[in-house]
C-alpha atoms as a PDB file:
ATOM      1  CA  MET A   1      -0.107  -0.075  -0.048  1.00  0.00           C
ATOM      2  CA  ILE A   2       1.410   3.455  -0.964  1.00  0.00           C
ATOM      3  CA  ARG A   3       0.346   6.198   1.315  1.00  0.00           C
ATOM      4  CA  GLY A   4       1.262   9.869   0.999  1.00  0.00           C
ATOM      5  CA  LEU A   5       2.395  12.074   3.919  1.00  0.00           C
ATOM      6  CA  ARG A   6       1.996  15.964   3.985  1.00  0.00           C
ATOM      7  CA  ASP A   7       3.273  16.646   7.525  1.00  0.00           C
ATOM      8  CA  GLY A   8       3.883  15.168  10.964  1.00  0.00           C
ATOM      9  CA  THR A   9       0.202  14.895  11.740  1.00  0.00           C
ATOM     10  CA  ASP A  10      -0.335  12.565   8.648  1.00  0.00           C
ATOM     11  CA  LEU A  11       2.642  10.463   9.718  1.00  0.00           C
ATOM     12  CA  ASP A  12       1.121   9.766  13.168  1.00  0.00           C
ATOM     13  CA  TYR A  13      -2.110   8.812  11.710  1.00  0.00           C
ATOM     14  CA  GLU A  14      -0.648   6.766   8.924  1.00  0.00           C
ATOM     15  CA  MET A  15       1.546   4.936  11.326  1.00  0.00           C
ATOM     16  CA  GLN A  16      -1.566   3.746  13.333  1.00  0.00           C
ATOM     17  CA  LEU A  17      -3.399   2.715  10.332  1.00  0.00           C
ATOM     18  CA  ALA A  18      -0.318   0.656   9.141  1.00  0.00           C
ATOM     19  CA  GLY A  19      -0.011  -0.955  12.467  1.00  0.00           C
ATOM     20  CA  MET A  20      -3.747  -1.991  12.325  1.00  0.00           C
ATOM     21  CA  ASN A  21      -3.405  -3.123   8.642  1.00  0.00           C
ATOM     22  CA  GLY A  22      -0.300  -5.117   9.606  1.00  0.00           C
ATOM     23  CA  ALA A  23      -2.109  -6.841  12.310  1.00  0.00           C
ATOM     24  CA  MET A  24      -5.115  -7.604   9.996  1.00  0.00           C
ATOM     25  CA  ALA A  25      -3.223  -8.452   6.965  1.00  0.00           C
ATOM     26  CA  PRO A  26       0.509  -9.034   7.718  1.00  0.00           C
ATOM     27  CA  ASP A  27       1.492  -9.764   4.044  1.00  0.00           C
ATOM     28  CA  VAL A  28       0.359  -6.104   3.038  1.00  0.00           C
ATOM     29  CA  GLN A  29       3.505  -3.648   3.187  1.00  0.00           C
ATOM     30  CA  THR A  30       2.859   0.097   3.634  1.00  0.00           C
ATOM     31  CA  VAL A  31       5.262   2.511   1.834  1.00  0.00           C
ATOM     32  CA  PHE A  32       5.030   6.132   2.862  1.00  0.00           C
ATOM     33  CA  VAL A  33       5.890   8.947   0.222  1.00  0.00           C
ATOM     34  CA  PRO A  34       6.342  12.499   1.060  1.00  0.00           C
ATOM     35  CA  ALA A  35       4.057  15.000  -0.659  1.00  0.00           C
ATOM     36  CA  SER A  36       5.731  17.462  -2.969  1.00  0.00           C
ATOM     37  CA  VAL A  37       5.832  20.961  -1.731  1.00  0.00           C
ATOM     38  CA  LEU A  38       3.221  22.132  -4.346  1.00  0.00           C
ATOM     39  CA  VAL A  39       0.454  19.918  -3.139  1.00  0.00           C
ATOM     40  CA  ARG A  40       1.395  19.719   0.591  1.00  0.00           C
ATOM     41  CA  PRO A  41      -1.298  22.434   1.686  1.00  0.00           C
ATOM     42  CA  ILE A  42      -4.048  20.720  -0.126  1.00  0.00           C
ATOM     43  CA  THR A  43      -6.418  18.655   1.685  1.00  0.00           C
ATOM     44  CA  ALA A  44      -9.581  16.695   0.726  1.00  0.00           C
ATOM     45  CA  THR A  45     -11.684  18.827   3.291  1.00  0.00           C
ATOM     46  CA  LEU A  46     -10.393  22.057   1.555  1.00  0.00           C
ATOM     47  CA  VAL A  47     -11.088  20.755  -2.074  1.00  0.00           C
ATOM     48  CA  ARG A  48     -14.650  19.759  -1.103  1.00  0.00           C
ATOM     49  CA  GLN A  49     -15.175  23.056   0.562  1.00  0.00           C
ATOM     50  CA  ILE A  50     -14.136  24.991  -2.583  1.00  0.00           C
ATOM     51  CA  ALA A  51     -16.367  22.726  -4.774  1.00  0.00           C
ATOM     52  CA  ALA A  52     -19.289  23.163  -2.462  1.00  0.00           C
ATOM     53  CA  MET A  53     -18.917  26.936  -2.918  1.00  0.00           C
ATOM     54  CA  GLY A  54     -18.820  26.552  -6.696  1.00  0.00           C
ATOM     55  CA  GLY A  55     -15.057  27.021  -7.076  1.00  0.00           C
ATOM     56  CA  ASP A  56     -12.884  25.488  -9.635  1.00  0.00           C
ATOM     57  CA  VAL A  57     -10.899  22.398  -8.094  1.00  0.00           C
ATOM     58  CA  SER A  58      -9.505  21.196 -11.402  1.00  0.00           C
ATOM     59  CA  SER A  59      -5.923  22.166 -10.573  1.00  0.00           C
ATOM     60  CA  PHE A  60      -5.956  20.250  -7.276  1.00  0.00           C
ATOM     61  CA  VAL A  61      -7.391  17.002  -8.281  1.00  0.00           C
ATOM     62  CA  PRO A  62      -7.595  14.635 -11.432  1.00  0.00           C
ATOM     63  CA  ALA A  63     -10.218  15.438 -13.981  1.00  0.00           C
ATOM     64  CA  SER A  64     -12.492  12.544 -13.260  1.00  0.00           C
ATOM     65  CA  VAL A  65     -12.589  13.707  -9.520  1.00  0.00           C
ATOM     66  CA  ALA A  66     -13.196  17.316 -10.507  1.00  0.00           C
ATOM     67  CA  SER A  67     -16.139  16.098 -12.727  1.00  0.00           C
ATOM     68  CA  SER A  68     -17.554  14.119  -9.878  1.00  0.00           C
ATOM     69  CA  LEU A  69     -17.330  17.013  -7.449  1.00  0.00           C
ATOM     70  CA  LYS A  70     -19.053  19.405  -9.979  1.00  0.00           C
ATOM     71  CA  ALA A  71     -21.886  16.754 -10.290  1.00  0.00           C
ATOM     72  CA  LYS A  72     -22.260  16.578  -6.480  1.00  0.00           C
ATOM     73  CA  PHE A  73     -22.036  20.330  -6.021  1.00  0.00           C
ATOM     74  CA  PRO A  74     -23.603  21.867  -9.224  1.00  0.00           C
ATOM     75  CA  GLY A  75     -23.872  25.358  -7.663  1.00  0.00           C
END
């Protein structure tokens, strides 16, 4: 499993998740990859809030996600 990390808070959470995944599925390995500086401040919560207010999120997410968010929040 590949998991992205933006900061220390992500690391703490992901370490807990990796520990539980390891207990439940010992054959599954978790690899942590640090986020690039350009995307580090972007969170799913912020993207959803921008989309809900009718903002353009296409520079933050793949086209398929932007399309789904636009359908969910047509405003």
